[in-house]
Amino acid sequence: MLTDTHAHLDYPDFDQDFPEVLRRAHEAGVTRIITIGTSLESSRRAVALAEKHPCIYAVIGVHPTSALEAEEDVVTPLRELAKSPRVVAIGETGLDYYRMPSEKLLASDKFEGTYTEALASNQLTVEGSIQDGAYKSAQAALFQEQLDLAVELGLNVVIHQRSAWDETLEILKPYTGKLRAVFHCFGNSFEQAQELIRLNHMVSFTGIITFKNAELVQETAAKIPGDSFMVETDCPYLAPIPFRGKRCEPAHTRVVAETIAKLRGESIGDLAALTTRNADEFFRFQGR
């Protein structure tokens, strides 16, 4: 038995063949799928799917890249959605500084010439800095609101982190002992994974583990303690080899698990049992 701990089944990518997607997952040994909200509306769809299908559970939250467009009050509707017994965590939440508003300014028609010339523009420096600062502040506030809600509800959190490692940990550290987090789609070093483990958090691996240039995360997966990681697809994104370039789906969790088992010198049965137990403990499925 395997658990896909991070999927986006509410996305339109699955509208045309949803029953077949679930059937293929079952045939691959994926008996549970956690579908993740990225906005209030996405979270509502996630809960609806979880309440309809016994193999699906929901995580509800607002993605950091939606911080500027998010409703003024996300906590009240998320708290209401969390009343469903099918909700097992808050997320995905966190910080994402990979693409900042200043980059859009550089790409706009407002600026001509080279990148260096654009950076030298006082208008770009001031306007870009203001927009970047507002974006980061909105993400941080949204992140903290969802962490506070998780503590209030006694739930753990699913974290999205991209190009904001230190800042994410700075916000998360005061919550040590109050909740646990899983850093999904983990692609960082073993040393960074250890930093999370010392704080009693976890990581989760995707199809990236199968990519040829994924030596860093492959080393992490090979060395990380067995009680500190889970497996996921992040579907419809990040399809593993040999499906790369196609739509990812929960059945591909098996490919992720098989790859990690090989890296660790373990059987797929043992790896599946291990990661399923970890998911049980983190998401607390019992009684839901």
C-alpha atoms as a PDB file:
ATOM      1  CA  MET A   1       0.000   0.000   0.000  1.00  0.00           C
ATOM      2  CA  LEU A   2       1.206   3.473  -0.894  1.00  0.00           C
ATOM      3  CA  THR A   3      -0.047   6.964  -0.036  1.00  0.00           C
ATOM      4  CA  ASP A   4       0.323   9.829  -2.496  1.00  0.00           C
ATOM      5  CA  THR A   5       0.712  12.581   0.074  1.00  0.00           C
ATOM      6  CA  HIS A   6       0.493  15.513  -2.348  1.00  0.00           C
ATOM      7  CA  ALA A   7      -1.774  15.643  -5.396  1.00  0.00           C
ATOM      8  CA  HIS A   8      -3.959  18.291  -7.026  1.00  0.00           C
ATOM      9  CA  LEU A   9      -6.934  16.221  -8.090  1.00  0.00           C
ATOM     10  CA  ASP A  10      -9.232  19.240  -8.219  1.00  0.00           C
ATOM     11  CA  TYR A  11      -7.316  20.664 -11.191  1.00  0.00           C
ATOM     12  CA  PRO A  12      -9.029  20.550 -14.595  1.00  0.00           C
ATOM     13  CA  ASP A  13      -6.259  18.263 -15.878  1.00  0.00           C
ATOM     14  CA  PHE A  14      -8.213  15.345 -14.387  1.00  0.00           C
ATOM     15  CA  ASP A  15     -11.723  16.318 -15.457  1.00  0.00           C
ATOM     16  CA  GLN A  16     -11.920  14.041 -18.477  1.00  0.00           C
ATOM     17  CA  ASP A  17     -10.798  10.736 -16.963  1.00  0.00           C
ATOM     18  CA  PHE A  18     -11.067  11.028 -13.185  1.00  0.00           C
ATOM     19  CA  PRO A  19     -12.495   7.510 -12.595  1.00  0.00           C
ATOM     20  CA  GLU A  20      -9.678   6.006 -14.662  1.00  0.00           C
ATOM     21  CA  VAL A  21      -7.104   8.022 -12.716  1.00  0.00           C
ATOM     22  CA  LEU A  22      -8.375   6.518  -9.464  1.00  0.00           C
ATOM     23  CA  ARG A  23      -8.508   3.040 -11.004  1.00  0.00           C
ATOM     24  CA  ARG A  24      -4.895   3.237 -12.191  1.00  0.00           C
ATOM     25  CA  ALA A  25      -3.819   4.455  -8.776  1.00  0.00           C
ATOM     26  CA  HIS A  26      -5.519   1.494  -7.103  1.00  0.00           C
ATOM     27  CA  GLU A  27      -3.934  -0.928  -9.561  1.00  0.00           C
ATOM     28  CA  ALA A  28      -0.512   0.560  -8.741  1.00  0.00           C
ATOM     29  CA  GLY A  29      -1.092  -0.017  -5.022  1.00  0.00           C
ATOM     30  CA  VAL A  30      -1.824   3.628  -4.196  1.00  0.00           C
ATOM     31  CA  THR A  31      -4.662   3.193  -1.728  1.00  0.00           C
ATOM     32  CA  ARG A  32      -4.819   6.764  -0.383  1.00  0.00           C
ATOM     33  CA  ILE A  33      -4.415  10.129  -2.077  1.00  0.00           C
ATOM     34  CA  ILE A  34      -4.200  13.489  -0.343  1.00  0.00           C
ATOM     35  CA  THR A  35      -5.455  16.286  -2.566  1.00  0.00           C
ATOM     36  CA  ILE A  36      -4.081  19.712  -1.720  1.00  0.00           C
ATOM     37  CA  GLY A  37      -5.858  23.051  -1.856  1.00  0.00           C
ATOM     38  CA  THR A  38      -4.067  26.063  -3.330  1.00  0.00           C
ATOM     39  CA  SER A  39      -6.820  28.654  -2.823  1.00  0.00           C
ATOM     40  CA  LEU A  40     -10.120  28.853  -0.992  1.00  0.00           C
ATOM     41  CA  GLU A  41     -12.005  27.607  -4.032  1.00  0.00           C
ATOM     42  CA  SER A  42      -9.443  24.863  -4.654  1.00  0.00           C
ATOM     43  CA  SER A  43      -9.715  23.853  -0.999  1.00  0.00           C
ATOM     44  CA  ARG A  44     -13.499  23.627  -1.283  1.00  0.00           C
ATOM     45  CA  ARG A  45     -13.117  21.350  -4.301  1.00  0.00           C
ATOM     46  CA  ALA A  46     -10.552  19.249  -2.424  1.00  0.00           C
ATOM     47  CA  VAL A  47     -12.943  18.711   0.488  1.00  0.00           C
ATOM     48  CA  ALA A  48     -15.782  17.834  -1.900  1.00  0.00           C
ATOM     49  CA  LEU A  49     -13.629  15.182  -3.569  1.00  0.00           C
ATOM     50  CA  ALA A  50     -12.544  13.776  -0.215  1.00  0.00           C
ATOM     51  CA  GLU A  51     -16.109  13.545   1.025  1.00  0.00           C
ATOM     52  CA  LYS A  52     -17.150  11.717  -2.148  1.00  0.00           C
ATOM     53  CA  HIS A  53     -14.279   9.224  -2.482  1.00  0.00           C
ATOM     54  CA  PRO A  54     -13.133   7.089   0.493  1.00  0.00           C
ATOM     55  CA  CYS A  55      -9.564   6.864  -0.841  1.00  0.00           C
ATOM     56  CA  ILE A  56      -9.116  10.658  -0.915  1.00  0.00           C
ATOM     57  CA  TYR A  57      -8.337  13.050   1.940  1.00  0.00           C
ATOM     58  CA  ALA A  58      -8.019  16.838   1.784  1.00  0.00           C
ATOM     59  CA  VAL A  59      -5.508  19.463   2.855  1.00  0.00           C
ATOM     60  CA  ILE A  60      -6.830  23.026   2.799  1.00  0.00           C
ATOM     61  CA  GLY A  61      -4.910  26.251   2.385  1.00  0.00           C
ATOM     62  CA  VAL A  62      -3.824  29.146   0.198  1.00  0.00           C
ATOM     63  CA  HIS A  63      -0.612  28.919  -1.818  1.00  0.00           C
ATOM     64  CA  PRO A  64       2.014  31.637  -1.180  1.00  0.00           C
ATOM     65  CA  THR A  65       2.068  32.766  -4.816  1.00  0.00           C
ATOM     66  CA  SER A  66      -1.610  33.706  -4.407  1.00  0.00           C
ATOM     67  CA  ALA A  67      -0.873  36.014  -1.492  1.00  0.00           C
ATOM     68  CA  LEU A  68      -1.607  39.275  -3.295  1.00  0.00           C
ATOM     69  CA  GLU A  69      -4.859  37.972  -4.802  1.00  0.00           C
ATOM     70  CA  ALA A  70      -6.090  36.108  -1.727  1.00  0.00           C
ATOM     71  CA  GLU A  71      -9.238  37.170   0.091  1.00  0.00           C
ATOM     72  CA  GLU A  72      -8.720  39.541   3.017  1.00  0.00           C
ATOM     73  CA  ASP A  73      -9.947  36.869   5.414  1.00  0.00           C
ATOM     74  CA  VAL A  74      -8.858  33.338   4.527  1.00  0.00           C
ATOM     75  CA  VAL A  75      -8.874  32.011   8.078  1.00  0.00           C
ATOM     76  CA  THR A  76     -12.643  32.040   8.643  1.00  0.00           C
ATOM     77  CA  PRO A  77     -13.546  30.001   5.544  1.00  0.00           C
ATOM     78  CA  LEU A  78     -10.609  27.623   6.099  1.00  0.00           C
ATOM     79  CA  ARG A  79     -11.728  27.089   9.689  1.00  0.00           C
ATOM     80  CA  GLU A  80     -15.205  26.236   8.422  1.00  0.00           C
ATOM     81  CA  LEU A  81     -13.846  23.799   5.830  1.00  0.00           C
ATOM     82  CA  ALA A  82     -11.716  22.120   8.509  1.00  0.00           C
ATOM     83  CA  LYS A  83     -14.889  20.919  10.219  1.00  0.00           C
ATOM     84  CA  SER A  84     -14.985  18.132   7.652  1.00  0.00           C
ATOM     85  CA  PRO A  85     -13.470  14.947   9.091  1.00  0.00           C
ATOM     86  CA  ARG A  86     -11.788  14.425   5.717  1.00  0.00           C
ATOM     87  CA  VAL A  87      -9.436  17.378   6.267  1.00  0.00           C
ATOM     88  CA  VAL A  88      -6.070  16.147   7.545  1.00  0.00           C
ATOM     89  CA  ALA A  89      -3.761  19.214   7.421  1.00  0.00           C
ATOM     90  CA  ILE A  90      -3.404  22.885   6.523  1.00  0.00           C
ATOM     91  CA  GLY A  91      -1.600  23.826   3.321  1.00  0.00           C
ATOM     92  CA  GLU A  92      -0.057  24.168   1.057  1.00  0.00           C
ATOM     93  CA  THR A  93       1.373  27.245   2.653  1.00  0.00           C
ATOM     94  CA  GLY A  94       4.832  28.723   2.933  1.00  0.00           C
ATOM     95  CA  LEU A  95       7.029  31.104   0.959  1.00  0.00           C
ATOM     96  CA  ASP A  96       7.966  31.292  -2.716  1.00  0.00           C
ATOM     97  CA  TYR A  97      10.463  33.938  -3.824  1.00  0.00           C
ATOM     98  CA  TYR A  98      11.387  32.242  -7.102  1.00  0.00           C
ATOM     99  CA  ARG A  99       9.672  34.790  -9.355  1.00  0.00           C
ATOM    100  CA  MET A 100       9.367  38.278  -7.928  1.00  0.00           C
ATOM    101  CA  PRO A 101       7.306  41.224  -9.230  1.00  0.00           C
ATOM    102  CA  SER A 102      10.497  43.098 -10.156  1.00  0.00           C
ATOM    103  CA  GLU A 103      11.227  40.438 -12.774  1.00  0.00           C
ATOM    104  CA  LYS A 104       7.925  41.232 -14.457  1.00  0.00           C
ATOM    105  CA  LEU A 105       8.917  44.877 -14.507  1.00  0.00           C
ATOM    106  CA  LEU A 106      12.161  44.001 -16.224  1.00  0.00           C
ATOM    107  CA  ALA A 107      10.253  42.023 -18.841  1.00  0.00           C
ATOM    108  CA  SER A 108       7.701  44.759 -19.477  1.00  0.00           C
ATOM    109  CA  ASP A 109       7.737  47.253 -22.323  1.00  0.00           C
ATOM    110  CA  LYS A 110       8.436  49.994 -19.793  1.00  0.00           C
ATOM    111  CA  PHE A 111      12.136  49.116 -19.790  1.00  0.00           C
ATOM    112  CA  GLU A 112      14.425  48.800 -22.777  1.00  0.00           C
ATOM    113  CA  GLY A 113      18.053  47.842 -23.137  1.00  0.00           C
ATOM    114  CA  THR A 114      20.034  45.248 -21.246  1.00  0.00           C
ATOM    115  CA  TYR A 115      19.299  43.713 -17.876  1.00  0.00           C
ATOM    116  CA  THR A 116      22.189  45.694 -16.360  1.00  0.00           C
ATOM    117  CA  GLU A 117      20.849  48.928 -17.810  1.00  0.00           C
ATOM    118  CA  ALA A 118      17.398  48.149 -16.471  1.00  0.00           C
ATOM    119  CA  LEU A 119      18.752  47.489 -13.008  1.00  0.00           C
ATOM    120  CA  ALA A 120      20.537  50.825 -13.113  1.00  0.00           C
ATOM    121  CA  SER A 121      17.217  52.583 -13.630  1.00  0.00           C
ATOM    122  CA  ASN A 122      16.149  54.414 -10.492  1.00  0.00           C
ATOM    123  CA  GLN A 123      12.523  53.844 -11.399  1.00  0.00           C
ATOM    124  CA  LEU A 124      13.066  50.077 -11.590  1.00  0.00           C
ATOM    125  CA  THR A 125      15.016  50.031  -8.352  1.00  0.00           C
ATOM    126  CA  VAL A 126      12.357  51.903  -6.396  1.00  0.00           C
ATOM    127  CA  GLU A 127       9.273  50.433  -8.031  1.00  0.00           C
ATOM    128  CA  GLY A 128      10.652  46.903  -8.104  1.00  0.00           C
ATOM    129  CA  SER A 129      11.808  47.038  -4.494  1.00  0.00           C
ATOM    130  CA  ILE A 130       8.424  48.291  -3.321  1.00  0.00           C
ATOM    131  CA  GLN A 131       6.542  45.578  -5.200  1.00  0.00           C
ATOM    132  CA  ASP A 132       8.932  42.839  -4.071  1.00  0.00           C
ATOM    133  CA  GLY A 133       8.673  43.992  -0.469  1.00  0.00           C
ATOM    134  CA  ALA A 134       4.880  44.040  -0.583  1.00  0.00           C
ATOM    135  CA  TYR A 135       4.819  40.566  -2.126  1.00  0.00           C
ATOM    136  CA  LYS A 136       7.114  39.110   0.538  1.00  0.00           C
ATOM    137  CA  SER A 137       5.151  40.754   3.344  1.00  0.00           C
ATOM    138  CA  ALA A 138       1.861  39.406   2.008  1.00  0.00           C
ATOM    139  CA  GLN A 139       3.302  35.895   1.755  1.00  0.00           C
ATOM    140  CA  ALA A 140       4.711  36.027   5.287  1.00  0.00           C
ATOM    141  CA  ALA A 141       1.416  37.243   6.741  1.00  0.00           C
ATOM    142  CA  LEU A 142      -0.552  34.569   4.906  1.00  0.00           C
ATOM    143  CA  PHE A 143       1.913  31.905   6.051  1.00  0.00           C
ATOM    144  CA  GLN A 144       1.668  32.934   9.701  1.00  0.00           C
ATOM    145  CA  GLU A 145      -2.130  33.092   9.604  1.00  0.00           C
ATOM    146  CA  GLN A 146      -2.275  29.511   8.366  1.00  0.00           C
ATOM    147  CA  LEU A 147       0.291  28.324  10.893  1.00  0.00           C
ATOM    148  CA  ASP A 148      -1.771  29.917  13.661  1.00  0.00           C
ATOM    149  CA  LEU A 149      -4.891  28.224  12.342  1.00  0.00           C
ATOM    150  CA  ALA A 150      -3.129  24.863  12.253  1.00  0.00           C
ATOM    151  CA  VAL A 151      -2.126  25.248  15.898  1.00  0.00           C
ATOM    152  CA  GLU A 152      -5.683  26.255  16.813  1.00  0.00           C
ATOM    153  CA  LEU A 153      -7.118  23.199  15.057  1.00  0.00           C
ATOM    154  CA  GLY A 154      -4.452  20.751  16.140  1.00  0.00           C
ATOM    155  CA  LEU A 155      -3.420  20.003  12.571  1.00  0.00           C
ATOM    156  CA  ASN A 156      -0.024  19.716  10.910  1.00  0.00           C
ATOM    157  CA  VAL A 157       1.014  21.746   7.865  1.00  0.00           C
ATOM    158  CA  VAL A 158       2.130  21.082   4.297  1.00  0.00           C
ATOM    159  CA  ILE A 159       4.795  23.584   3.290  1.00  0.00           C
ATOM    160  CA  HIS A 160       5.760  24.914  -0.119  1.00  0.00           C
ATOM    161  CA  GLN A 161       9.222  26.489  -0.075  1.00  0.00           C
ATOM    162  CA  ARG A 162      11.045  27.836  -3.090  1.00  0.00           C
ATOM    163  CA  SER A 163      14.040  30.174  -3.040  1.00  0.00           C
ATOM    164  CA  ALA A 164      13.145  31.181   0.531  1.00  0.00           C
ATOM    165  CA  TRP A 165      14.783  28.584   2.776  1.00  0.00           C
ATOM    166  CA  ASP A 166      16.079  30.817   5.571  1.00  0.00           C
ATOM    167  CA  GLU A 167      12.994  33.006   5.607  1.00  0.00           C
ATOM    168  CA  THR A 168      10.677  29.996   5.793  1.00  0.00           C
ATOM    169  CA  LEU A 169      12.540  28.512   8.746  1.00  0.00           C
ATOM    170  CA  GLU A 170      12.627  31.876  10.511  1.00  0.00           C
ATOM    171  CA  ILE A 171       8.828  32.057  10.450  1.00  0.00           C
ATOM    172  CA  LEU A 172       8.381  28.363  11.258  1.00  0.00           C
ATOM    173  CA  LYS A 173      10.788  28.016  14.196  1.00  0.00           C
ATOM    174  CA  PRO A 174       8.555  29.742  16.809  1.00  0.00           C
ATOM    175  CA  TYR A 175       5.977  26.999  16.137  1.00  0.00           C
ATOM    176  CA  THR A 176       8.388  24.236  17.145  1.00  0.00           C
ATOM    177  CA  GLY A 177       6.595  21.780  19.407  1.00  0.00           C
ATOM    178  CA  LYS A 178       3.192  23.211  18.469  1.00  0.00           C
ATOM    179  CA  LEU A 179       2.877  21.499  15.088  1.00  0.00           C
ATOM    180  CA  ARG A 180       4.809  19.450  12.568  1.00  0.00           C
ATOM    181  CA  ALA A 181       5.457  20.340   8.948  1.00  0.00           C
ATOM    182  CA  VAL A 182       6.252  18.391   5.829  1.00  0.00           C
ATOM    183  CA  PHE A 183       8.315  20.226   3.215  1.00  0.00           C
ATOM    184  CA  HIS A 184       6.760  18.853   0.065  1.00  0.00           C
ATOM    185  CA  CYS A 185       8.596  18.371  -3.246  1.00  0.00           C
ATOM    186  CA  PHE A 186      11.863  18.373  -1.326  1.00  0.00           C
ATOM    187  CA  GLY A 187      14.890  18.921  -3.540  1.00  0.00           C
ATOM    188  CA  ASN A 188      17.470  20.175  -1.095  1.00  0.00           C
ATOM    189  CA  SER A 189      20.573  18.735   0.518  1.00  0.00           C
ATOM    190  CA  PHE A 190      20.823  16.116   3.219  1.00  0.00           C
ATOM    191  CA  GLU A 191      22.186  18.791   5.571  1.00  0.00           C
ATOM    192  CA  GLN A 192      19.073  20.894   5.051  1.00  0.00           C
ATOM    193  CA  ALA A 193      16.881  17.840   5.584  1.00  0.00           C
ATOM    194  CA  GLN A 194      18.698  17.254   8.880  1.00  0.00           C
ATOM    195  CA  GLU A 195      17.948  20.845   9.855  1.00  0.00           C
ATOM    196  CA  LEU A 196      14.242  20.098   9.469  1.00  0.00           C
ATOM    197  CA  ILE A 197      14.459  16.763  11.258  1.00  0.00           C
ATOM    198  CA  ARG A 198      16.031  18.446  14.288  1.00  0.00           C
ATOM    199  CA  LEU A 199      12.889  20.593  14.442  1.00  0.00           C
ATOM    200  CA  ASN A 200      10.711  17.433  14.224  1.00  0.00           C
ATOM    201  CA  HIS A 201       9.602  18.119  10.654  1.00  0.00           C
ATOM    202  CA  MET A 202       9.552  15.861   7.599  1.00  0.00           C
ATOM    203  CA  VAL A 203      10.204  15.959   3.860  1.00  0.00           C
ATOM    204  CA  SER A 204       8.420  14.406   0.900  1.00  0.00           C
ATOM    205  CA  PHE A 205       9.905  13.316  -2.435  1.00  0.00           C
ATOM    206  CA  THR A 206       8.367  13.600  -5.920  1.00  0.00           C
ATOM    207  CA  GLY A 207       9.172  12.297  -9.393  1.00  0.00           C
ATOM    208  CA  ILE A 208      12.175  14.628  -9.425  1.00  0.00           C
ATOM    209  CA  ILE A 209      13.947  11.745  -7.673  1.00  0.00           C
ATOM    210  CA  THR A 210      14.017   9.924 -11.041  1.00  0.00           C
ATOM    211  CA  PHE A 211      15.588  12.757 -13.049  1.00  0.00           C
ATOM    212  CA  LYS A 212      19.144  12.342 -14.333  1.00  0.00           C
ATOM    213  CA  ASN A 213      20.321  15.639 -12.834  1.00  0.00           C
ATOM    214  CA  ALA A 214      18.802  14.956  -9.394  1.00  0.00           C
ATOM    215  CA  GLU A 215      21.958  13.752  -7.647  1.00  0.00           C
ATOM    216  CA  LEU A 216      21.480  16.081  -4.680  1.00  0.00           C
ATOM    217  CA  VAL A 217      17.986  14.902  -3.763  1.00  0.00           C
ATOM    218  CA  GLN A 218      18.881  11.296  -4.585  1.00  0.00           C
ATOM    219  CA  GLU A 219      21.675  11.478  -2.014  1.00  0.00           C
ATOM    220  CA  THR A 220      19.241  12.944   0.503  1.00  0.00           C
ATOM    221  CA  ALA A 221      16.702  10.179  -0.087  1.00  0.00           C
ATOM    222  CA  ALA A 222      19.379   7.522   0.290  1.00  0.00           C
ATOM    223  CA  LYS A 223      20.660   8.856   3.614  1.00  0.00           C
ATOM    224  CA  ILE A 224      17.605  10.323   5.387  1.00  0.00           C
ATOM    225  CA  PRO A 225      16.254   8.428   8.445  1.00  0.00           C
ATOM    226  CA  GLY A 226      13.338   6.176   7.600  1.00  0.00           C
ATOM    227  CA  ASP A 227      10.848   7.928   9.857  1.00  0.00           C
ATOM    228  CA  SER A 228      11.452  11.340   8.289  1.00  0.00           C
ATOM    229  CA  PHE A 229      10.075  11.187   4.760  1.00  0.00           C
ATOM    230  CA  MET A 230       7.018  10.427   2.646  1.00  0.00           C
ATOM    231  CA  VAL A 231       6.317  10.052  -1.086  1.00  0.00           C
ATOM    232  CA  GLU A 232       4.133  12.131  -3.383  1.00  0.00           C
ATOM    233  CA  THR A 233       3.526  13.056  -7.006  1.00  0.00           C
ATOM    234  CA  ASP A 234       2.520  16.746  -6.912  1.00  0.00           C
ATOM    235  CA  CYS A 235       0.400  15.718  -9.887  1.00  0.00           C
ATOM    236  CA  PRO A 236      -0.379  16.892 -12.496  1.00  0.00           C
ATOM    237  CA  TYR A 237       3.199  18.219 -12.331  1.00  0.00           C
ATOM    238  CA  LEU A 238       6.619  16.523 -12.223  1.00  0.00           C
ATOM    239  CA  ALA A 239       5.859  13.194 -13.859  1.00  0.00           C
ATOM    240  CA  PRO A 240       8.717  10.782 -13.172  1.00  0.00           C
ATOM    241  CA  ILE A 241      10.776   9.057 -15.804  1.00  0.00           C
ATOM    242  CA  PRO A 242       9.557   7.269 -17.977  1.00  0.00           C
ATOM    243  CA  PHE A 243       6.465   9.511 -18.006  1.00  0.00           C
ATOM    244  CA  ARG A 244       8.308  12.846 -18.012  1.00  0.00           C
ATOM    245  CA  GLY A 245       6.667  15.383 -20.283  1.00  0.00           C
ATOM    246  CA  LYS A 246       3.243  13.837 -19.764  1.00  0.00           C
ATOM    247  CA  ARG A 247       0.583  14.498 -17.149  1.00  0.00           C
ATOM    248  CA  CYS A 248       1.564  13.119 -13.766  1.00  0.00           C
ATOM    249  CA  GLU A 249      -1.028  11.165 -11.778  1.00  0.00           C
ATOM    250  CA  PRO A 250      -1.241   9.352  -8.418  1.00  0.00           C
ATOM    251  CA  ALA A 251      -0.341   5.954  -9.916  1.00  0.00           C
ATOM    252  CA  HIS A 252       3.160   7.341 -10.465  1.00  0.00           C
ATOM    253  CA  THR A 253       3.694   7.314  -6.705  1.00  0.00           C
ATOM    254  CA  ARG A 254       4.828   3.745  -7.219  1.00  0.00           C
ATOM    255  CA  VAL A 255       7.647   4.851  -9.547  1.00  0.00           C
ATOM    256  CA  VAL A 256       8.794   7.386  -6.946  1.00  0.00           C
ATOM    257  CA  ALA A 257       8.725   4.735  -4.216  1.00  0.00           C
ATOM    258  CA  GLU A 258      10.527   2.150  -6.344  1.00  0.00           C
ATOM    259  CA  THR A 259      13.282   4.635  -7.151  1.00  0.00           C
ATOM    260  CA  ILE A 260      13.801   5.552  -3.495  1.00  0.00           C
ATOM    261  CA  ALA A 261      13.757   1.893  -2.464  1.00  0.00           C
ATOM    262  CA  LYS A 262      16.532   1.173  -4.967  1.00  0.00           C
ATOM    263  CA  LEU A 263      18.574   4.143  -3.711  1.00  0.00           C
ATOM    264  CA  ARG A 264      18.243   2.883  -0.128  1.00  0.00           C
ATOM    265  CA  GLY A 265      18.802  -0.781  -0.930  1.00  0.00           C
ATOM    266  CA  GLU A 266      15.338  -1.697   0.352  1.00  0.00           C
ATOM    267  CA  SER A 267      12.430  -3.642  -1.102  1.00  0.00           C
ATOM    268  CA  ILE A 268       9.465  -1.773  -2.506  1.00  0.00           C
ATOM    269  CA  GLY A 269       7.282  -3.570   0.050  1.00  0.00           C
ATOM    270  CA  ASP A 270       9.342  -2.306   2.964  1.00  0.00           C
ATOM    271  CA  LEU A 271       9.534   1.206   1.523  1.00  0.00           C
ATOM    272  CA  ALA A 272       5.767   1.285   0.956  1.00  0.00           C
ATOM    273  CA  ALA A 273       5.065   0.096   4.499  1.00  0.00           C
ATOM    274  CA  LEU A 274       7.501   2.651   5.920  1.00  0.00           C
ATOM    275  CA  THR A 275       6.128   5.668   4.061  1.00  0.00           C
ATOM    276  CA  THR A 276       2.523   4.595   4.684  1.00  0.00           C
ATOM    277  CA  ARG A 277       3.228   4.423   8.413  1.00  0.00           C
ATOM    278  CA  ASN A 278       4.846   7.865   8.261  1.00  0.00           C
ATOM    279  CA  ALA A 279       1.783   9.266   6.492  1.00  0.00           C
ATOM    280  CA  ASP A 280      -0.491   7.664   9.084  1.00  0.00           C
ATOM    281  CA  GLU A 281       1.379   9.342  11.907  1.00  0.00           C
ATOM    282  CA  PHE A 282       1.699  12.742  10.257  1.00  0.00           C
ATOM    283  CA  PHE A 283      -1.835  13.106   8.867  1.00  0.00           C
ATOM    284  CA  ARG A 284      -3.576  11.119  11.632  1.00  0.00           C
ATOM    285  CA  PHE A 285      -6.009   9.268   9.384  1.00  0.00           C
ATOM    286  CA  GLN A 286      -7.384   7.214  12.241  1.00  0.00           C
ATOM    287  CA  GLY A 287     -10.964   8.199  12.996  1.00  0.00           C
ATOM    288  CA  ARG A 288     -11.291  10.323   9.876  1.00  0.00           C
END
